[in-house]
Amino acid sequence: MTDGRARLWERSVEKEAEMARAMVRLAGSATVLGDSSKFGKLTPFAVAGFDSIDCVVREEAPDG
């Protein structure tokens, strides 16, 4: 898609996940910041396993 100003835009969630995977792979460390509504949900594209994540920050303690 173009915006009429010689710029291309990608609206694909798959491309966003691909970019996030690259950032996790290249980062010295990776931190996940998410509120409790995001945990326990499935999404169409995986970004990283928890073995790739150094820290998880959320507003409340996890259940269990």
N, C-alpha and C. Protein backbone atom coordinates (compact mmCIF):
# COMPACT_ATOMS: atom_id res chain seq x y z
N MET A 1 0.85 -1.17 0.00
CA MET A 1 0.00 0.00 0.00
C MET A 1 0.90 1.24 0.00
N THR A 2 0.50 2.25 -0.71
CA THR A 2 1.25 3.51 -0.71
C THR A 2 0.36 4.62 -0.15
N ASP A 3 0.99 5.68 0.31
CA ASP A 3 0.23 6.80 0.88
C ASP A 3 0.25 8.03 -0.03
N GLY A 4 0.69 7.88 -1.27
CA GLY A 4 0.71 9.00 -2.19
C GLY A 4 1.92 9.90 -2.03
N ARG A 5 2.80 9.60 -1.09
CA ARG A 5 4.00 10.42 -0.87
C ARG A 5 5.26 9.59 -1.03
N ALA A 6 5.23 8.64 -1.95
CA ALA A 6 6.38 7.80 -2.27
C ALA A 6 6.87 6.99 -1.07
N ARG A 7 5.94 6.57 -0.23
CA ARG A 7 6.30 5.70 0.88
C ARG A 7 5.47 4.43 0.79
N LEU A 8 6.08 3.32 1.12
CA LEU A 8 5.38 2.04 1.16
C LEU A 8 5.08 1.68 2.60
N TRP A 9 3.92 1.13 2.83
CA TRP A 9 3.51 0.74 4.18
C TRP A 9 3.19 -0.74 4.19
N GLU A 10 3.62 -1.43 5.21
CA GLU A 10 3.33 -2.85 5.39
C GLU A 10 2.40 -2.99 6.58
N ARG A 11 1.22 -3.55 6.36
CA ARG A 11 0.26 -3.68 7.46
C ARG A 11 0.13 -5.13 7.91
N SER A 12 1.06 -5.95 7.55
CA SER A 12 0.99 -7.37 7.86
C SER A 12 1.48 -7.66 9.28
N VAL A 13 0.66 -8.34 10.05
CA VAL A 13 1.05 -8.75 11.40
C VAL A 13 2.22 -9.73 11.31
N GLU A 14 2.25 -10.53 10.26
CA GLU A 14 3.35 -11.47 10.07
C GLU A 14 4.68 -10.72 9.95
N LYS A 15 4.70 -9.61 9.24
CA LYS A 15 5.93 -8.81 9.10
C LYS A 15 6.34 -8.21 10.44
N GLU A 16 5.38 -7.78 11.24
CA GLU A 16 5.69 -7.24 12.57
C GLU A 16 6.31 -8.32 13.44
N ALA A 17 5.77 -9.53 13.39
CA ALA A 17 6.33 -10.64 14.16
C ALA A 17 7.73 -10.98 13.68
N GLU A 18 7.94 -10.93 12.38
CA GLU A 18 9.26 -11.18 11.81
C GLU A 18 10.28 -10.16 12.32
N MET A 19 9.89 -8.91 12.38
CA MET A 19 10.76 -7.85 12.89
C MET A 19 11.06 -8.07 14.37
N ALA A 20 10.05 -8.42 15.14
CA ALA A 20 10.24 -8.67 16.58
C ALA A 20 11.18 -9.85 16.79
N ARG A 21 11.06 -10.91 15.98
CA ARG A 21 11.98 -12.05 16.09
C ARG A 21 13.41 -11.62 15.83
N ALA A 22 13.62 -10.79 14.83
CA ALA A 22 14.97 -10.30 14.52
C ALA A 22 15.51 -9.46 15.66
N MET A 23 14.68 -8.62 16.26
CA MET A 23 15.14 -7.78 17.38
C MET A 23 15.54 -8.64 18.58
N VAL A 24 14.75 -9.67 18.89
CA VAL A 24 15.09 -10.56 20.01
C VAL A 24 16.39 -11.28 19.71
N ARG A 25 16.54 -11.77 18.49
CA ARG A 25 17.74 -12.52 18.11
C ARG A 25 19.00 -11.66 18.20
N LEU A 26 18.91 -10.39 17.82
CA LEU A 26 20.08 -9.51 17.77
C LEU A 26 20.35 -8.75 19.06
N ALA A 27 19.39 -8.73 19.96
CA ALA A 27 19.54 -7.96 21.21
C ALA A 27 20.48 -8.66 22.18
N GLY A 28 21.14 -7.87 23.00
CA GLY A 28 21.97 -8.43 24.06
C GLY A 28 21.12 -9.06 25.16
N SER A 29 19.94 -8.52 25.37
CA SER A 29 18.97 -9.08 26.31
C SER A 29 17.58 -8.67 25.83
N ALA A 30 16.57 -9.44 26.25
CA ALA A 30 15.20 -9.15 25.81
C ALA A 30 14.27 -9.10 27.02
N THR A 31 13.46 -8.06 27.09
CA THR A 31 12.48 -7.88 28.16
C THR A 31 11.10 -7.81 27.53
N VAL A 32 10.16 -8.53 28.12
CA VAL A 32 8.77 -8.49 27.68
C VAL A 32 8.00 -7.61 28.65
N LEU A 33 7.27 -6.65 28.12
CA LEU A 33 6.42 -5.78 28.92
C LEU A 33 4.99 -6.01 28.45
N GLY A 34 4.14 -6.53 29.34
CA GLY A 34 2.76 -6.81 28.94
C GLY A 34 1.84 -6.80 30.13
N ASP A 35 0.61 -6.34 29.92
CA ASP A 35 -0.35 -6.38 31.02
C ASP A 35 -1.00 -7.77 31.06
N SER A 36 -1.72 -8.05 32.13
CA SER A 36 -2.25 -9.39 32.36
C SER A 36 -3.22 -9.85 31.28
N SER A 37 -3.81 -8.93 30.53
CA SER A 37 -4.73 -9.34 29.46
C SER A 37 -4.02 -10.04 28.31
N LYS A 38 -2.71 -9.90 28.22
CA LYS A 38 -1.94 -10.50 27.13
C LYS A 38 -1.48 -11.93 27.45
N PHE A 39 -1.44 -12.31 28.70
CA PHE A 39 -0.92 -13.62 29.08
C PHE A 39 -2.00 -14.68 28.96
N GLY A 40 -1.60 -15.87 28.50
CA GLY A 40 -2.53 -16.97 28.34
C GLY A 40 -3.32 -16.91 27.05
N LYS A 41 -2.98 -16.00 26.15
CA LYS A 41 -3.67 -15.85 24.87
C LYS A 41 -2.78 -16.39 23.75
N LEU A 42 -3.41 -16.97 22.75
CA LEU A 42 -2.68 -17.43 21.57
C LEU A 42 -2.80 -16.38 20.48
N THR A 43 -1.72 -16.21 19.74
CA THR A 43 -1.70 -15.30 18.60
C THR A 43 -1.24 -16.08 17.38
N PRO A 44 -1.48 -15.58 16.18
CA PRO A 44 -1.14 -16.34 14.98
C PRO A 44 0.37 -16.51 14.74
N PHE A 45 1.19 -15.63 15.30
CA PHE A 45 2.62 -15.68 15.00
C PHE A 45 3.44 -15.66 16.28
N ALA A 46 4.29 -16.67 16.45
CA ALA A 46 5.19 -16.72 17.61
C ALA A 46 6.37 -15.79 17.36
N VAL A 47 6.83 -15.14 18.41
CA VAL A 47 7.98 -14.25 18.31
C VAL A 47 9.21 -14.90 18.92
N ALA A 48 9.09 -15.43 20.14
CA ALA A 48 10.23 -16.03 20.82
C ALA A 48 9.74 -16.96 21.91
N GLY A 49 10.56 -17.93 22.24
CA GLY A 49 10.27 -18.78 23.38
C GLY A 49 10.76 -18.10 24.65
N PHE A 50 10.23 -18.51 25.79
CA PHE A 50 10.65 -17.89 27.04
C PHE A 50 12.13 -18.14 27.34
N ASP A 51 12.73 -19.13 26.69
CA ASP A 51 14.17 -19.34 26.87
C ASP A 51 14.99 -18.21 26.26
N SER A 52 14.38 -17.39 25.40
CA SER A 52 15.06 -16.24 24.79
C SER A 52 14.82 -14.94 25.54
N ILE A 53 13.97 -14.97 26.56
CA ILE A 53 13.56 -13.76 27.28
C ILE A 53 14.29 -13.69 28.62
N ASP A 54 14.86 -12.54 28.92
CA ASP A 54 15.60 -12.35 30.16
C ASP A 54 14.74 -11.85 31.31
N CYS A 55 13.69 -11.09 31.00
CA CYS A 55 12.87 -10.47 32.04
C CYS A 55 11.45 -10.28 31.53
N VAL A 56 10.46 -10.53 32.40
CA VAL A 56 9.06 -10.27 32.09
C VAL A 56 8.54 -9.26 33.11
N VAL A 57 7.96 -8.16 32.63
CA VAL A 57 7.41 -7.12 33.50
C VAL A 57 5.91 -7.06 33.24
N ARG A 58 5.12 -7.14 34.33
CA ARG A 58 3.67 -7.00 34.22
C ARG A 58 3.12 -6.33 35.46
N GLU A 59 1.88 -5.91 35.42
CA GLU A 59 1.33 -5.09 36.50
C GLU A 59 0.90 -5.89 37.72
N GLU A 60 0.78 -7.22 37.60
CA GLU A 60 0.40 -8.03 38.76
C GLU A 60 1.08 -9.38 38.68
N ALA A 61 1.16 -10.07 39.82
CA ALA A 61 1.81 -11.37 39.88
C ALA A 61 1.02 -12.39 39.06
N PRO A 62 1.70 -13.36 38.44
CA PRO A 62 0.99 -14.37 37.67
C PRO A 62 0.18 -15.30 38.57
N ASP A 63 -0.88 -15.87 38.03
CA ASP A 63 -1.68 -16.85 38.77
C ASP A 63 -0.86 -18.11 38.99
N GLY A 64 -1.04 -18.72 40.15
CA GLY A 64 -0.37 -19.99 40.43
C GLY A 64 0.94 -19.78 40.97
